Amino acid sequence: FGSSSCFSSSVPLCCIARRRYLEEGKMAQRYQISSDKVAEGAAVPEKVQLKLARNATLAEEKQKAVDAAKKEREEQREALKKRAQEYQKEYAAHEKQLIDLRREAKLGGNFFVEPEAKLLFVVRIKGIIKMSPKPRKVLQLLRLRQLHNGVFLKVNKPILQMLKLVQPYVTYGYPTLKTVRELIYKRGFAKVNKQRIPISDNNIISGNL
């Protein structure tokens, strides 16, 4: 095991690991710290005294870590709420502007040209059977390697030309905000430590950016 100095310490390794987790604020609520009580006036061995002092210190550190994590969650939730309200206000202003422009064009007897979409969602609907090398390479460049794979793409001239080459093998459209939100909530995954983890919490993204 190499040097035995790590075993000669008066503090057990499990307590060191537990204290490290408490300091980092991780799993603070999961750690159970035994609350041993001693009868008043009873003789207490030295080892039991050390254990009681250690448990009292760990309980205090745990409470501090829990309070810090709670405060951080409240601040993060408030910031997310404000950001969502700002986005909602921005979307509402954009929709109102489009409505005003449509009404203005109608009153003037003109036609209103809708703004072009900036985002595409492309889904592959056919396999590799009887496919020539060029469309196969284009699908590979678009990251559509398997059947029913889907990707978000920016609307620009190169992307539209590539989609023309693979049009029989894909279907695509312009997603709305509601569609993007539902798709990410249902099928969104993040790559954390080379592992594919479903996005179930904001901490998965904020903690690994």
C-alpha atoms as a PDB file:
ATOM      1  CA  PHE A   1       0.000   0.000   0.000  1.00  0.00           C
ATOM      2  CA  GLY A   2       3.077   2.283  -0.077  1.00  0.00           C
ATOM      3  CA  SER A   3       3.590   4.550   2.892  1.00  0.00           C
ATOM      4  CA  SER A   4       1.583   3.743   6.010  1.00  0.00           C
ATOM      5  CA  SER A   5       1.409   7.376   7.141  1.00  0.00           C
ATOM      6  CA  CYS A   6      -2.134   7.697   5.827  1.00  0.00           C
ATOM      7  CA  PHE A   7      -3.280   5.017   8.300  1.00  0.00           C
ATOM      8  CA  SER A   8      -1.558   6.571  11.314  1.00  0.00           C
ATOM      9  CA  SER A   9      -3.741   9.686  11.303  1.00  0.00           C
ATOM     10  CA  SER A  10      -6.159  10.088  14.216  1.00  0.00           C
ATOM     11  CA  VAL A  11      -8.986  11.046  11.811  1.00  0.00           C
ATOM     12  CA  PRO A  12     -10.427   8.111   9.799  1.00  0.00           C
ATOM     13  CA  LEU A  13     -10.315   8.300   6.004  1.00  0.00           C
ATOM     14  CA  CYS A  14     -14.117   8.058   5.754  1.00  0.00           C
ATOM     15  CA  CYS A  15     -14.441  11.189   7.904  1.00  0.00           C
ATOM     16  CA  ILE A  16     -11.936  13.049   5.725  1.00  0.00           C
ATOM     17  CA  ALA A  17     -13.919  12.126   2.594  1.00  0.00           C
ATOM     18  CA  ARG A  18     -17.189  13.072   4.287  1.00  0.00           C
ATOM     19  CA  ARG A  19     -15.779  16.435   5.371  1.00  0.00           C
ATOM     20  CA  ARG A  20     -14.499  17.084   1.848  1.00  0.00           C
ATOM     21  CA  TYR A  21     -17.968  16.446   0.399  1.00  0.00           C
ATOM     22  CA  LEU A  22     -19.526  18.714   3.006  1.00  0.00           C
ATOM     23  CA  GLU A  23     -17.038  21.494   2.208  1.00  0.00           C
ATOM     24  CA  GLU A  24     -17.825  21.179  -1.486  1.00  0.00           C
ATOM     25  CA  GLY A  25     -21.575  21.261  -0.760  1.00  0.00           C
ATOM     26  CA  LYS A  26     -22.124  17.908  -2.493  1.00  0.00           C
ATOM     27  CA  MET A  27     -24.559  15.398  -1.051  1.00  0.00           C
ATOM     28  CA  ALA A  28     -24.723  17.431   2.175  1.00  0.00           C
ATOM     29  CA  GLN A  29     -28.248  16.303   2.960  1.00  0.00           C
ATOM     30  CA  ARG A  30     -27.553  12.642   2.247  1.00  0.00           C
ATOM     31  CA  TYR A  31     -24.843  12.175   4.860  1.00  0.00           C
ATOM     32  CA  GLN A  32     -26.197  10.877   8.129  1.00  0.00           C
ATOM     33  CA  ILE A  33     -24.226  11.895  11.182  1.00  0.00           C
ATOM     34  CA  SER A  34     -24.930   9.821  14.263  1.00  0.00           C
ATOM     35  CA  SER A  35     -26.204  11.805  17.236  1.00  0.00           C
ATOM     36  CA  ASP A  36     -24.941   9.797  20.205  1.00  0.00           C
ATOM     37  CA  LYS A  37     -25.923  11.010  23.655  1.00  0.00           C
ATOM     38  CA  VAL A  38     -24.232  10.323  26.946  1.00  0.00           C
ATOM     39  CA  ALA A  39     -25.977  10.292  30.285  1.00  0.00           C
ATOM     40  CA  GLU A  40     -25.127  13.214  32.509  1.00  0.00           C
ATOM     41  CA  GLY A  41     -22.393  12.452  35.007  1.00  0.00           C
ATOM     42  CA  ALA A  42     -21.391   9.186  33.300  1.00  0.00           C
ATOM     43  CA  ALA A  43     -17.717   8.404  32.724  1.00  0.00           C
ATOM     44  CA  VAL A  44     -16.953   8.759  29.047  1.00  0.00           C
ATOM     45  CA  PRO A  45     -13.903   7.092  27.481  1.00  0.00           C
ATOM     46  CA  GLU A  46     -11.499   9.260  25.542  1.00  0.00           C
ATOM     47  CA  LYS A  47     -12.322   7.622  22.214  1.00  0.00           C
ATOM     48  CA  VAL A  48     -16.043   8.279  22.720  1.00  0.00           C
ATOM     49  CA  GLN A  49     -15.288  11.901  23.568  1.00  0.00           C
ATOM     50  CA  LEU A  50     -13.282  12.252  20.376  1.00  0.00           C
ATOM     51  CA  LYS A  51     -16.129  10.670  18.422  1.00  0.00           C
ATOM     52  CA  LEU A  52     -18.728  13.005  19.965  1.00  0.00           C
ATOM     53  CA  ALA A  53     -16.568  16.055  19.222  1.00  0.00           C
ATOM     54  CA  ARG A  54     -16.019  14.880  15.664  1.00  0.00           C
ATOM     55  CA  ASN A  55     -19.747  14.282  15.118  1.00  0.00           C
ATOM     56  CA  ALA A  56     -20.588  17.723  16.519  1.00  0.00           C
ATOM     57  CA  THR A  57     -18.090  19.342  14.116  1.00  0.00           C
ATOM     58  CA  LEU A  58     -19.425  17.349  11.165  1.00  0.00           C
ATOM     59  CA  ALA A  59     -23.036  18.205  12.057  1.00  0.00           C
ATOM     60  CA  GLU A  60     -22.159  21.909  12.166  1.00  0.00           C
ATOM     61  CA  GLU A  61     -20.353  21.695   8.814  1.00  0.00           C
ATOM     62  CA  LYS A  62     -23.272  19.776   7.332  1.00  0.00           C
ATOM     63  CA  GLN A  63     -25.763  22.413   8.457  1.00  0.00           C
ATOM     64  CA  LYS A  64     -23.592  25.169   6.963  1.00  0.00           C
ATOM     65  CA  ALA A  65     -23.303  23.259   3.668  1.00  0.00           C
ATOM     66  CA  VAL A  66     -27.079  22.664   3.548  1.00  0.00           C
ATOM     67  CA  ASP A  67     -27.808  26.348   4.221  1.00  0.00           C
ATOM     68  CA  ALA A  68     -25.286  27.453   1.577  1.00  0.00           C
ATOM     69  CA  ALA A  69     -26.734  25.054  -1.001  1.00  0.00           C
ATOM     70  CA  LYS A  70     -30.274  26.233  -0.214  1.00  0.00           C
ATOM     71  CA  LYS A  71     -29.280  29.886  -0.571  1.00  0.00           C
ATOM     72  CA  GLU A  72     -27.494  29.159  -3.844  1.00  0.00           C
ATOM     73  CA  ARG A  73     -30.558  27.325  -5.214  1.00  0.00           C
ATOM     74  CA  GLU A  74     -32.840  30.231  -4.288  1.00  0.00           C
ATOM     75  CA  GLU A  75     -30.527  32.757  -5.977  1.00  0.00           C
ATOM     76  CA  GLN A  76     -30.220  30.575  -9.063  1.00  0.00           C
ATOM     77  CA  ARG A  77     -33.989  30.085  -9.248  1.00  0.00           C
ATOM     78  CA  GLU A  78     -34.558  33.841  -8.948  1.00  0.00           C
ATOM     79  CA  ALA A  79     -32.007  34.525 -11.711  1.00  0.00           C
ATOM     80  CA  LEU A  80     -33.629  31.914 -13.971  1.00  0.00           C
ATOM     81  CA  LYS A  81     -37.047  33.429 -13.310  1.00  0.00           C
ATOM     82  CA  LYS A  82     -35.828  36.917 -14.271  1.00  0.00           C
ATOM     83  CA  ARG A  83     -34.139  35.575 -17.402  1.00  0.00           C
ATOM     84  CA  ALA A  84     -37.300  33.709 -18.446  1.00  0.00           C
ATOM     85  CA  GLN A  85     -39.363  36.876 -17.950  1.00  0.00           C
ATOM     86  CA  GLU A  86     -36.920  38.875 -20.092  1.00  0.00           C
ATOM     87  CA  TYR A  87     -37.098  36.268 -22.867  1.00  0.00           C
ATOM     88  CA  GLN A  88     -40.890  36.188 -22.652  1.00  0.00           C
ATOM     89  CA  LYS A  89     -41.017  39.985 -22.913  1.00  0.00           C
ATOM     90  CA  GLU A  90     -38.692  39.886 -25.915  1.00  0.00           C
ATOM     91  CA  TYR A  91     -40.789  37.238 -27.709  1.00  0.00           C
ATOM     92  CA  ALA A  92     -44.004  39.150 -26.981  1.00  0.00           C
ATOM     93  CA  ALA A  93     -42.493  42.386 -28.343  1.00  0.00           C
ATOM     94  CA  HIS A  94     -41.371  40.591 -31.495  1.00  0.00           C
ATOM     95  CA  GLU A  95     -44.827  39.085 -32.051  1.00  0.00           C
ATOM     96  CA  LYS A  96     -46.481  42.467 -31.480  1.00  0.00           C
ATOM     97  CA  GLN A  97     -44.138  44.075 -34.003  1.00  0.00           C
ATOM     98  CA  LEU A  98     -45.042  41.457 -36.644  1.00  0.00           C
ATOM     99  CA  ILE A  99     -48.775  41.975 -35.992  1.00  0.00           C
ATOM    100  CA  ASP A 100     -48.390  45.749 -36.319  1.00  0.00           C
ATOM    101  CA  LEU A 101     -46.475  45.375 -39.591  1.00  0.00           C
ATOM    102  CA  ARG A 102     -49.131  43.023 -41.008  1.00  0.00           C
ATOM    103  CA  ARG A 103     -51.927  45.457 -40.099  1.00  0.00           C
ATOM    104  CA  GLU A 104     -49.983  48.394 -41.558  1.00  0.00           C
ATOM    105  CA  ALA A 105     -49.423  46.530 -44.830  1.00  0.00           C
ATOM    106  CA  LYS A 106     -53.095  45.532 -44.996  1.00  0.00           C
ATOM    107  CA  LEU A 107     -54.273  49.099 -44.405  1.00  0.00           C
ATOM    108  CA  GLY A 108     -51.932  50.385 -47.123  1.00  0.00           C
ATOM    109  CA  GLY A 109     -53.076  47.734 -49.603  1.00  0.00           C
ATOM    110  CA  ASN A 110     -49.642  46.090 -49.671  1.00  0.00           C
ATOM    111  CA  PHE A 111     -48.360  42.583 -49.041  1.00  0.00           C
ATOM    112  CA  PHE A 112     -46.353  41.790 -45.935  1.00  0.00           C
ATOM    113  CA  VAL A 113     -43.393  39.461 -46.536  1.00  0.00           C
ATOM    114  CA  GLU A 114     -42.897  37.254 -43.504  1.00  0.00           C
ATOM    115  CA  PRO A 115     -39.311  37.218 -42.106  1.00  0.00           C
ATOM    116  CA  GLU A 116     -37.277  34.183 -43.101  1.00  0.00           C
ATOM    117  CA  ALA A 117     -36.669  31.532 -40.488  1.00  0.00           C
ATOM    118  CA  LYS A 118     -33.147  31.231 -39.063  1.00  0.00           C
ATOM    119  CA  LEU A 119     -33.351  27.653 -37.825  1.00  0.00           C
ATOM    120  CA  LEU A 120     -34.081  24.280 -39.437  1.00  0.00           C
ATOM    121  CA  PHE A 121     -34.760  20.917 -37.877  1.00  0.00           C
ATOM    122  CA  VAL A 122     -33.798  18.016 -40.143  1.00  0.00           C
ATOM    123  CA  VAL A 123     -34.717  14.349 -39.574  1.00  0.00           C
ATOM    124  CA  ARG A 124     -33.372  11.405 -41.544  1.00  0.00           C
ATOM    125  CA  ILE A 125     -36.163   9.120 -42.804  1.00  0.00           C
ATOM    126  CA  LYS A 126     -34.337   6.561 -44.970  1.00  0.00           C
ATOM    127  CA  GLY A 127     -31.471   4.119 -44.504  1.00  0.00           C
ATOM    128  CA  ILE A 128     -28.369   3.440 -46.612  1.00  0.00           C
ATOM    129  CA  ILE A 129     -29.879   0.899 -49.015  1.00  0.00           C
ATOM    130  CA  LYS A 130     -29.367   1.933 -52.674  1.00  0.00           C
ATOM    131  CA  MET A 131     -27.764   5.229 -51.705  1.00  0.00           C
ATOM    132  CA  SER A 132     -25.009   6.739 -53.836  1.00  0.00           C
ATOM    133  CA  PRO A 133     -21.756   7.896 -52.197  1.00  0.00           C
ATOM    134  CA  LYS A 134     -22.425  11.644 -52.571  1.00  0.00           C
ATOM    135  CA  PRO A 135     -25.707  11.785 -50.580  1.00  0.00           C
ATOM    136  CA  ARG A 136     -24.144   9.446 -48.021  1.00  0.00           C
ATOM    137  CA  LYS A 137     -21.244  11.849 -47.540  1.00  0.00           C
ATOM    138  CA  VAL A 138     -23.609  14.830 -47.265  1.00  0.00           C
ATOM    139  CA  LEU A 139     -25.660  13.038 -44.590  1.00  0.00           C
ATOM    140  CA  GLN A 140     -22.432  12.317 -42.751  1.00  0.00           C
ATOM    141  CA  LEU A 141     -21.491  16.012 -42.868  1.00  0.00           C
ATOM    142  CA  LEU A 142     -24.948  16.939 -41.555  1.00  0.00           C
ATOM    143  CA  ARG A 143     -24.449  14.492 -38.635  1.00  0.00           C
ATOM    144  CA  LEU A 144     -27.367  12.346 -39.837  1.00  0.00           C
ATOM    145  CA  ARG A 145     -25.564   9.013 -39.581  1.00  0.00           C
ATOM    146  CA  GLN A 146     -28.529   6.849 -38.584  1.00  0.00           C
ATOM    147  CA  LEU A 147     -32.201   6.514 -39.359  1.00  0.00           C
ATOM    148  CA  HIS A 148     -34.438   8.925 -37.378  1.00  0.00           C
ATOM    149  CA  ASN A 149     -31.502  11.082 -36.303  1.00  0.00           C
ATOM    150  CA  GLY A 150     -32.389  14.780 -36.031  1.00  0.00           C
ATOM    151  CA  VAL A 151     -30.240  17.921 -36.035  1.00  0.00           C
ATOM    152  CA  PHE A 152     -30.731  21.673 -35.780  1.00  0.00           C
ATOM    153  CA  LEU A 153     -29.153  23.633 -38.632  1.00  0.00           C
ATOM    154  CA  LYS A 154     -28.774  27.315 -39.468  1.00  0.00           C
ATOM    155  CA  VAL A 155     -30.592  28.504 -42.565  1.00  0.00           C
ATOM    156  CA  ASN A 156     -27.959  29.610 -45.069  1.00  0.00           C
ATOM    157  CA  LYS A 157     -27.123  28.964 -48.707  1.00  0.00           C
ATOM    158  CA  PRO A 158     -24.610  26.073 -48.216  1.00  0.00           C
ATOM    159  CA  ILE A 159     -26.995  24.190 -45.902  1.00  0.00           C
ATOM    160  CA  LEU A 160     -29.934  24.589 -48.310  1.00  0.00           C
ATOM    161  CA  GLN A 161     -27.815  23.319 -51.210  1.00  0.00           C
ATOM    162  CA  MET A 162     -26.762  20.284 -49.168  1.00  0.00           C
ATOM    163  CA  LEU A 163     -30.391  19.596 -48.272  1.00  0.00           C
ATOM    164  CA  LYS A 164     -31.310  19.595 -51.977  1.00  0.00           C
ATOM    165  CA  LEU A 165     -28.799  16.779 -52.535  1.00  0.00           C
ATOM    166  CA  VAL A 166     -30.309  14.612 -49.778  1.00  0.00           C
ATOM    167  CA  GLN A 167     -33.947  15.637 -50.148  1.00  0.00           C
ATOM    168  CA  PRO A 168     -35.258  12.062 -50.773  1.00  0.00           C
ATOM    169  CA  TYR A 169     -33.639  10.854 -47.542  1.00  0.00           C
ATOM    170  CA  VAL A 170     -34.630  13.590 -45.079  1.00  0.00           C
ATOM    171  CA  THR A 171     -37.564  15.701 -44.002  1.00  0.00           C
ATOM    172  CA  TYR A 172     -37.168  19.149 -42.488  1.00  0.00           C
ATOM    173  CA  GLY A 173     -39.075  22.181 -41.340  1.00  0.00           C
ATOM    174  CA  TYR A 174     -38.905  25.354 -39.290  1.00  0.00           C
ATOM    175  CA  PRO A 175     -39.432  24.603 -35.582  1.00  0.00           C
ATOM    176  CA  THR A 176     -41.293  26.944 -33.253  1.00  0.00           C
ATOM    177  CA  LEU A 177     -40.161  27.838 -29.761  1.00  0.00           C
ATOM    178  CA  LYS A 178     -42.707  25.402 -28.307  1.00  0.00           C
ATOM    179  CA  THR A 179     -41.391  22.554 -30.487  1.00  0.00           C
ATOM    180  CA  VAL A 180     -37.762  23.216 -29.540  1.00  0.00           C
ATOM    181  CA  ARG A 181     -38.623  23.369 -25.833  1.00  0.00           C
ATOM    182  CA  GLU A 182     -40.603  20.113 -25.889  1.00  0.00           C
ATOM    183  CA  LEU A 183     -37.920  18.352 -27.929  1.00  0.00           C
ATOM    184  CA  ILE A 184     -35.124  19.335 -25.536  1.00  0.00           C
ATOM    185  CA  TYR A 185     -37.184  18.412 -22.474  1.00  0.00           C
ATOM    186  CA  LYS A 186     -38.089  15.010 -23.907  1.00  0.00           C
ATOM    187  CA  ARG A 187     -34.984  13.979 -25.873  1.00  0.00           C
ATOM    188  CA  GLY A 188     -32.231  16.325 -24.677  1.00  0.00           C
ATOM    189  CA  PHE A 189     -28.964  14.731 -23.534  1.00  0.00           C
ATOM    190  CA  ALA A 190     -25.691  16.218 -22.273  1.00  0.00           C
ATOM    191  CA  LYS A 191     -22.199  14.780 -22.547  1.00  0.00           C
ATOM    192  CA  VAL A 192     -20.643  14.754 -19.069  1.00  0.00           C
ATOM    193  CA  ASN A 193     -17.375  12.916 -18.420  1.00  0.00           C
ATOM    194  CA  LYS A 194     -17.766  11.150 -21.774  1.00  0.00           C
ATOM    195  CA  GLN A 195     -21.182   9.855 -20.678  1.00  0.00           C
ATOM    196  CA  ARG A 196     -24.571  10.565 -22.273  1.00  0.00           C
ATOM    197  CA  ILE A 197     -26.808  11.869 -19.491  1.00  0.00           C
ATOM    198  CA  PRO A 198     -30.440  12.990 -19.973  1.00  0.00           C
ATOM    199  CA  ILE A 199     -31.053  16.653 -19.200  1.00  0.00           C
ATOM    200  CA  SER A 200     -33.268  16.497 -16.124  1.00  0.00           C
ATOM    201  CA  ASP A 201     -31.913  19.488 -14.220  1.00  0.00           C
ATOM    202  CA  ASN A 202     -30.305  22.858 -14.923  1.00  0.00           C
ATOM    203  CA  ASN A 203     -27.346  21.896 -12.730  1.00  0.00           C
ATOM    204  CA  ILE A 204     -26.260  19.302 -15.291  1.00  0.00           C
ATOM    205  CA  ILE A 205     -25.618  22.121 -17.773  1.00  0.00           C
ATOM    206  CA  SER A 206     -24.519  24.934 -15.450  1.00  0.00           C
ATOM    207  CA  GLY A 207     -22.112  22.675 -13.575  1.00  0.00           C
ATOM    208  CA  ASN A 208     -20.312  21.514 -16.712  1.00  0.00           C
ATOM    209  CA  LEU A 209     -20.093  24.649 -18.842  1.00  0.00           C
END
